[in-house]
Amino acid sequence: MVAARLAHLRKSLRKIEGSQTINNWALRRQTRENRGFLTGIANVARMRKIAETMRQKCFVIRNWPINI
């Protein structure tokens, strides 16, 4: 799903670059949104990894609701 989303974003960016009629501001906003989306993916992955290590370290504490 992530790969499909990235491919879609890349395609839409290429389309925007192709049409010079779109003004600079819209392009800037689009790239900023895409960057936010990508960092979001990275943050989720990092959170998952942290949660996993926490689970391994604190496996004594059974009732921790870590469901990430």
C-alpha atoms as a PDB file:
ATOM      1  CA  MET A   1       0.000   0.000   0.000  1.00  0.00           C
ATOM      2  CA  VAL A   2       2.812   2.369   0.926  1.00  0.00           C
ATOM      3  CA  ALA A   3       4.635   1.620  -2.327  1.00  0.00           C
ATOM      4  CA  ALA A   4       1.471   2.297  -4.317  1.00  0.00           C
ATOM      5  CA  ARG A   5       0.961   5.589  -2.487  1.00  0.00           C
ATOM      6  CA  LEU A   6       4.557   6.623  -3.153  1.00  0.00           C
ATOM      7  CA  ALA A   7       4.237   5.743  -6.833  1.00  0.00           C
ATOM      8  CA  HIS A   8       1.046   7.786  -7.002  1.00  0.00           C
ATOM      9  CA  LEU A   9       2.721  10.776  -5.339  1.00  0.00           C
ATOM     10  CA  ARG A  10       5.675  10.540  -7.719  1.00  0.00           C
ATOM     11  CA  LYS A  11       3.338  10.403 -10.696  1.00  0.00           C
ATOM     12  CA  SER A  12       1.302  13.386  -9.511  1.00  0.00           C
ATOM     13  CA  LEU A  13       4.476  15.389  -8.906  1.00  0.00           C
ATOM     14  CA  ARG A  14       5.697  14.579 -12.417  1.00  0.00           C
ATOM     15  CA  LYS A  15       2.327  15.672 -13.781  1.00  0.00           C
ATOM     16  CA  ILE A  16       2.585  18.974 -11.875  1.00  0.00           C
ATOM     17  CA  GLU A  17       6.117  19.593 -13.160  1.00  0.00           C
ATOM     18  CA  GLY A  18       4.857  18.908 -16.685  1.00  0.00           C
ATOM     19  CA  SER A  19       2.225  21.649 -16.604  1.00  0.00           C
ATOM     20  CA  GLN A  20       3.866  25.065 -16.250  1.00  0.00           C
ATOM     21  CA  THR A  21       0.483  26.731 -15.769  1.00  0.00           C
ATOM     22  CA  ILE A  22       0.364  25.702 -12.094  1.00  0.00           C
ATOM     23  CA  ASN A  23       1.870  28.414  -9.938  1.00  0.00           C
ATOM     24  CA  ASN A  24       4.832  27.996  -7.643  1.00  0.00           C
ATOM     25  CA  TRP A  25       2.775  28.170  -4.445  1.00  0.00           C
ATOM     26  CA  ALA A  26       0.655  25.118  -5.264  1.00  0.00           C
ATOM     27  CA  LEU A  27       3.761  23.107  -6.121  1.00  0.00           C
ATOM     28  CA  ARG A  28       5.430  24.139  -2.889  1.00  0.00           C
ATOM     29  CA  ARG A  29       2.359  23.176  -0.868  1.00  0.00           C
ATOM     30  CA  GLN A  30       2.149  19.773  -2.573  1.00  0.00           C
ATOM     31  CA  THR A  31       5.794  18.919  -1.918  1.00  0.00           C
ATOM     32  CA  ARG A  32       5.438  20.015   1.712  1.00  0.00           C
ATOM     33  CA  GLU A  33       2.413  17.733   2.164  1.00  0.00           C
ATOM     34  CA  ASN A  34       4.279  14.813   0.575  1.00  0.00           C
ATOM     35  CA  ARG A  35       7.258  15.380   2.840  1.00  0.00           C
ATOM     36  CA  GLY A  36       4.921  15.337   5.840  1.00  0.00           C
ATOM     37  CA  PHE A  37       3.423  12.071   4.640  1.00  0.00           C
ATOM     38  CA  LEU A  38       6.858  10.466   4.256  1.00  0.00           C
ATOM     39  CA  THR A  39       8.067  11.573   7.695  1.00  0.00           C
ATOM     40  CA  GLY A  40       4.804  10.199   9.083  1.00  0.00           C
ATOM     41  CA  ILE A  41       5.660   6.761   7.682  1.00  0.00           C
ATOM     42  CA  ALA A  42       9.175   6.999   9.127  1.00  0.00           C
ATOM     43  CA  ASN A  43       7.814   7.995  12.558  1.00  0.00           C
ATOM     44  CA  VAL A  44       5.374   5.076  12.634  1.00  0.00           C
ATOM     45  CA  ALA A  45       8.185   2.669  11.768  1.00  0.00           C
ATOM     46  CA  ARG A  46      10.382   4.139  14.497  1.00  0.00           C
ATOM     47  CA  MET A  47       7.545   3.902  17.030  1.00  0.00           C
ATOM     48  CA  ARG A  48       6.985   0.247  16.100  1.00  0.00           C
ATOM     49  CA  LYS A  49      10.670  -0.523  16.590  1.00  0.00           C
ATOM     50  CA  ILE A  50      10.773   1.271  19.954  1.00  0.00           C
ATOM     51  CA  ALA A  51       7.647  -0.557  21.108  1.00  0.00           C
ATOM     52  CA  GLU A  52       9.175  -3.876  20.097  1.00  0.00           C
ATOM     53  CA  THR A  53      12.373  -3.256  22.073  1.00  0.00           C
ATOM     54  CA  MET A  54      10.281  -2.092  25.039  1.00  0.00           C
ATOM     55  CA  ARG A  55       8.304  -5.328  24.826  1.00  0.00           C
ATOM     56  CA  GLN A  56      11.506  -7.361  24.874  1.00  0.00           C
ATOM     57  CA  LYS A  57      13.018  -5.399  27.775  1.00  0.00           C
ATOM     58  CA  CYS A  58       9.874  -5.194  29.885  1.00  0.00           C
ATOM     59  CA  PHE A  59       8.405  -8.612  29.175  1.00  0.00           C
ATOM     60  CA  VAL A  60       8.076  -8.912  32.975  1.00  0.00           C
ATOM     61  CA  ILE A  61       5.308  -6.299  32.925  1.00  0.00           C
ATOM     62  CA  ARG A  62       2.592  -8.393  31.319  1.00  0.00           C
ATOM     63  CA  ASN A  63      -0.346  -5.974  31.517  1.00  0.00           C
ATOM     64  CA  TRP A  64       1.163  -3.215  29.412  1.00  0.00           C
ATOM     65  CA  PRO A  65      -1.300  -2.363  26.606  1.00  0.00           C
ATOM     66  CA  ILE A  66       1.306  -1.909  23.894  1.00  0.00           C
ATOM     67  CA  ASN A  67      -0.605  -2.524  20.685  1.00  0.00           C
ATOM     68  CA  ILE A  68       1.213  -0.685  17.948  1.00  0.00           C
END
